[in-house]
Amino acid sequence: MSSEETYAKALRIMELAKSSTNPSRRRMMMDNAFALIREAKCERQKEPAKSATEGPPKYRVWLRGANGYLYFDLPMARRSDALWAAETLAAALSEDYDRYALWCGQTQLFNSPTSQAVFSCRTAVEVTQASQQIVLDAEELALANHQILAESRHLIATTARMRQILTEPPDTTDTRATRDKKLPKDSSASP
């Protein structure tokens, strides 16, 4: 297991500890998480240094709501794609989460209420099809693995629309503005 994987496991354990109501169990889980963080630091010192050009920056979108936190890693090369993906996911999950933030490593790029997020095909910069597929995969992952989100009609409708956008053949006469007109009325976040 690499140092990054060990560190990610420690963060997941910390999130689980936060939701634990048993103080002794919470303390045990936090102790385990801190032990994993120490282990990750030792592993990182033994690993060869990574070059800065090793790959695209790692983006992560965090969502916060009454159900806790949810995050998705966005392996995108362009910041504009990551911003679009974060807003699209926030709009799709706006019924269940009230805030979202986009991070690049340890730097927060954006933080906003999900009620202001809008799913739109019209962007200032063309979003790559690979980025659109990443968002669709994230939405489908949320539907498949989260019991409460699996019942969200808004998320189901947005995922279906995203799937339709990706599967329809590219039409040179079909502009992004035309595709936006085809969006259902509830595809933008409701207040």
Protein backbone atom coordinates (compact mmCIF):
# COMPACT_ATOMS: atom_id res chain seq x y z
CA MET A 1 0.00 0.00 0.00
CA SER A 2 1.42 3.40 -0.98
CA SER A 3 1.66 6.34 1.41
CA GLU A 4 -1.22 8.07 -0.39
CA GLU A 5 -3.46 5.01 -0.03
CA THR A 6 -2.55 4.68 3.64
CA TYR A 7 -3.30 8.36 4.23
CA ALA A 8 -6.64 8.08 2.38
CA LYS A 9 -7.55 5.08 4.55
CA ALA A 10 -6.75 7.14 7.66
CA LEU A 11 -9.04 9.94 6.47
CA ARG A 12 -11.88 7.47 5.86
CA ILE A 13 -11.45 6.07 9.39
CA MET A 14 -11.57 9.62 10.79
CA GLU A 15 -14.83 10.27 8.96
CA LEU A 16 -16.28 7.07 10.40
CA ALA A 17 -15.10 8.05 13.87
CA LYS A 18 -16.93 11.37 13.62
CA SER A 19 -20.23 9.54 13.15
CA SER A 20 -19.65 7.11 16.03
CA THR A 21 -21.76 7.74 19.13
CA ASN A 22 -19.66 5.49 21.38
CA PRO A 23 -16.81 7.60 22.86
CA SER A 24 -14.45 4.65 23.42
CA ARG A 25 -15.00 3.37 19.88
CA ARG A 26 -14.47 6.89 18.51
CA ARG A 27 -11.21 7.20 20.46
CA MET A 28 -10.03 3.78 19.24
CA MET A 29 -10.81 4.69 15.62
CA MET A 30 -9.00 8.03 15.90
CA ASP A 31 -5.97 6.31 17.45
CA ASN A 32 -5.94 3.87 14.53
CA ALA A 33 -6.22 6.75 12.06
CA PHE A 34 -3.32 8.63 13.65
CA ALA A 35 -1.22 5.42 13.59
CA LEU A 36 -1.96 5.12 9.86
CA ILE A 37 -0.95 8.76 9.31
CA ARG A 38 2.38 8.10 11.07
CA GLU A 39 2.82 4.98 8.93
CA ALA A 40 2.05 6.98 5.77
CA LYS A 41 4.70 9.56 6.71
CA CYS A 42 7.29 6.81 7.14
CA GLU A 43 6.28 5.23 3.82
CA ARG A 44 6.49 8.62 2.07
CA GLN A 45 10.09 9.06 3.22
CA LYS A 46 11.00 5.67 1.73
CA GLU A 47 9.26 6.31 -1.61
CA PRO A 48 11.14 7.98 -4.45
CA ALA A 49 10.32 11.64 -5.00
CA LYS A 50 7.57 12.24 -7.53
CA SER A 51 8.11 14.63 -10.37
CA ALA A 52 5.77 17.57 -10.79
CA THR A 53 4.81 16.38 -14.29
CA GLU A 54 3.64 12.96 -13.12
CA GLY A 55 0.02 13.58 -14.02
CA PRO A 56 -2.90 15.95 -13.88
CA PRO A 57 -3.62 17.72 -10.61
CA LYS A 58 -5.88 15.80 -8.29
CA TYR A 59 -9.18 17.57 -7.82
CA ARG A 60 -11.74 16.63 -5.19
CA VAL A 61 -15.26 17.91 -4.70
CA TRP A 62 -16.66 17.79 -1.15
CA LEU A 63 -20.37 18.03 -0.41
CA ARG A 64 -21.80 18.72 3.05
CA GLY A 65 -25.35 18.20 4.23
CA ALA A 66 -27.58 16.72 6.89
CA ASN A 67 -26.38 13.23 5.91
CA GLY A 68 -22.75 14.15 6.54
CA TYR A 69 -20.01 14.55 3.98
CA LEU A 70 -19.58 13.06 0.52
CA TYR A 71 -16.61 13.51 -1.75
CA PHE A 72 -15.57 12.53 -5.24
CA ASP A 73 -12.08 12.49 -6.71
CA LEU A 74 -12.01 14.13 -10.12
CA PRO A 75 -9.03 12.96 -12.21
CA MET A 76 -9.20 15.86 -14.66
CA ALA A 77 -6.38 17.61 -16.44
CA ARG A 78 -8.02 21.04 -16.76
CA ARG A 79 -9.22 23.26 -13.94
CA SER A 80 -12.16 24.46 -16.05
CA ASP A 81 -13.39 20.87 -16.38
CA ALA A 82 -13.04 20.35 -12.62
CA LEU A 83 -15.03 23.53 -11.89
CA TRP A 84 -17.79 22.43 -14.29
CA ALA A 85 -17.80 18.92 -12.77
CA ALA A 86 -18.03 20.26 -9.21
CA GLU A 87 -20.96 22.52 -10.07
CA THR A 88 -22.72 19.76 -12.02
CA LEU A 89 -22.37 17.31 -9.13
CA ALA A 90 -23.51 19.98 -6.65
CA ALA A 91 -26.59 20.71 -8.76
CA ALA A 92 -27.40 17.00 -9.03
CA LEU A 93 -27.02 16.48 -5.28
CA SER A 94 -28.58 19.78 -4.16
CA GLU A 95 -31.61 18.07 -2.59
CA ASP A 96 -29.44 16.20 -0.11
CA TYR A 97 -26.40 18.45 0.40
CA ASP A 98 -26.33 22.17 1.15
CA ARG A 99 -22.67 23.17 0.45
CA TYR A 100 -19.92 22.06 -1.85
CA ALA A 101 -16.24 22.86 -2.28
CA LEU A 102 -13.67 22.09 -4.95
CA TRP A 103 -10.13 21.30 -3.84
CA CYS A 104 -6.89 20.89 -5.78
CA GLY A 105 -4.62 19.02 -3.41
CA GLN A 106 -4.69 21.02 -0.18
CA THR A 107 -5.86 24.23 -1.84
CA GLN A 108 -9.55 25.10 -1.79
CA LEU A 109 -10.51 26.58 -5.15
CA PHE A 110 -14.21 27.15 -4.63
CA ASN A 111 -16.87 26.93 -1.92
CA SER A 112 -20.58 27.67 -2.39
CA PRO A 113 -24.12 26.62 -1.44
CA THR A 114 -25.49 23.86 -3.68
CA SER A 115 -28.67 25.91 -4.10
CA GLN A 116 -26.67 28.21 -6.41
CA ALA A 117 -25.24 25.38 -8.52
CA VAL A 118 -26.64 24.84 -12.01
CA PHE A 119 -26.25 21.88 -14.37
CA SER A 120 -25.64 23.37 -17.79
CA CYS A 121 -24.27 22.17 -21.10
CA ARG A 122 -23.42 25.77 -21.96
CA THR A 123 -19.97 26.68 -20.70
CA ALA A 124 -17.43 29.33 -21.59
CA VAL A 125 -14.91 26.57 -22.36
CA GLU A 126 -15.88 23.29 -24.01
CA VAL A 127 -15.89 20.49 -21.44
CA THR A 128 -14.19 17.31 -22.62
CA GLN A 129 -16.21 14.17 -23.10
CA ALA A 130 -13.87 12.36 -20.70
CA SER A 131 -14.76 14.91 -17.98
CA GLN A 132 -18.46 14.47 -18.70
CA GLN A 133 -17.97 10.69 -18.36
CA ILE A 134 -16.22 11.18 -15.00
CA VAL A 135 -19.23 13.17 -13.73
CA LEU A 136 -21.66 10.54 -15.02
CA ASP A 137 -19.62 7.81 -13.31
CA ALA A 138 -19.66 9.79 -10.04
CA GLU A 139 -23.44 10.28 -10.23
CA GLU A 140 -23.98 6.58 -10.96
CA LEU A 141 -21.65 5.67 -8.09
CA ALA A 142 -23.69 7.83 -5.72
CA LEU A 143 -26.93 6.23 -6.92
CA ALA A 144 -25.58 2.70 -6.62
CA ASN A 145 -23.81 2.99 -3.27
CA HIS A 146 -25.73 5.51 -1.18
CA GLN A 147 -29.11 4.34 0.09
CA ILE A 148 -30.58 7.81 0.62
CA LEU A 149 -29.28 9.22 -2.68
CA ALA A 150 -30.66 6.23 -4.59
CA GLU A 151 -34.13 7.64 -3.86
CA SER A 152 -33.37 11.21 -4.99
CA ARG A 153 -35.57 11.97 -7.99
CA HIS A 154 -33.47 15.02 -8.82
CA LEU A 155 -30.23 12.98 -8.91
CA ILE A 156 -31.90 10.24 -10.96
CA ALA A 157 -33.19 12.81 -13.51
CA THR A 158 -29.83 14.60 -13.75
CA THR A 159 -28.00 11.30 -14.19
CA ALA A 160 -30.41 10.26 -16.93
CA ARG A 161 -29.89 13.59 -18.72
CA MET A 162 -26.11 13.28 -18.39
CA ARG A 163 -26.26 9.73 -19.79
CA GLN A 164 -28.37 11.01 -22.70
CA ILE A 165 -25.87 13.79 -23.45
CA LEU A 166 -23.00 11.31 -23.56
CA THR A 167 -24.77 8.68 -25.64
CA GLU A 168 -26.35 10.90 -28.28
CA PRO A 169 -24.18 11.19 -31.39
CA PRO A 170 -22.46 14.55 -31.76
CA ASP A 171 -24.48 16.81 -34.03
CA THR A 172 -22.61 19.74 -35.51
CA THR A 173 -25.82 21.76 -35.73
CA ASP A 174 -26.72 21.02 -32.10
CA THR A 175 -25.19 23.78 -30.00
CA ARG A 176 -24.78 23.78 -26.26
CA ALA A 177 -27.54 26.38 -25.98
CA THR A 178 -29.93 24.07 -27.85
CA ARG A 179 -29.05 21.18 -25.52
CA ASP A 180 -29.72 23.42 -22.51
CA LYS A 181 -33.22 24.14 -23.82
CA LYS A 182 -33.85 20.36 -23.75
CA LEU A 183 -33.00 20.18 -20.04
CA PRO A 184 -35.98 19.55 -17.75
CA LYS A 185 -37.12 22.52 -15.69
CA ASP A 186 -35.88 20.96 -12.43
CA SER A 187 -32.31 20.29 -13.66
CA SER A 188 -31.06 23.43 -11.97
CA ALA A 189 -30.83 23.50 -8.21
CA SER A 190 -34.04 24.51 -6.55
CA PRO A 191 -33.89 27.12 -3.77
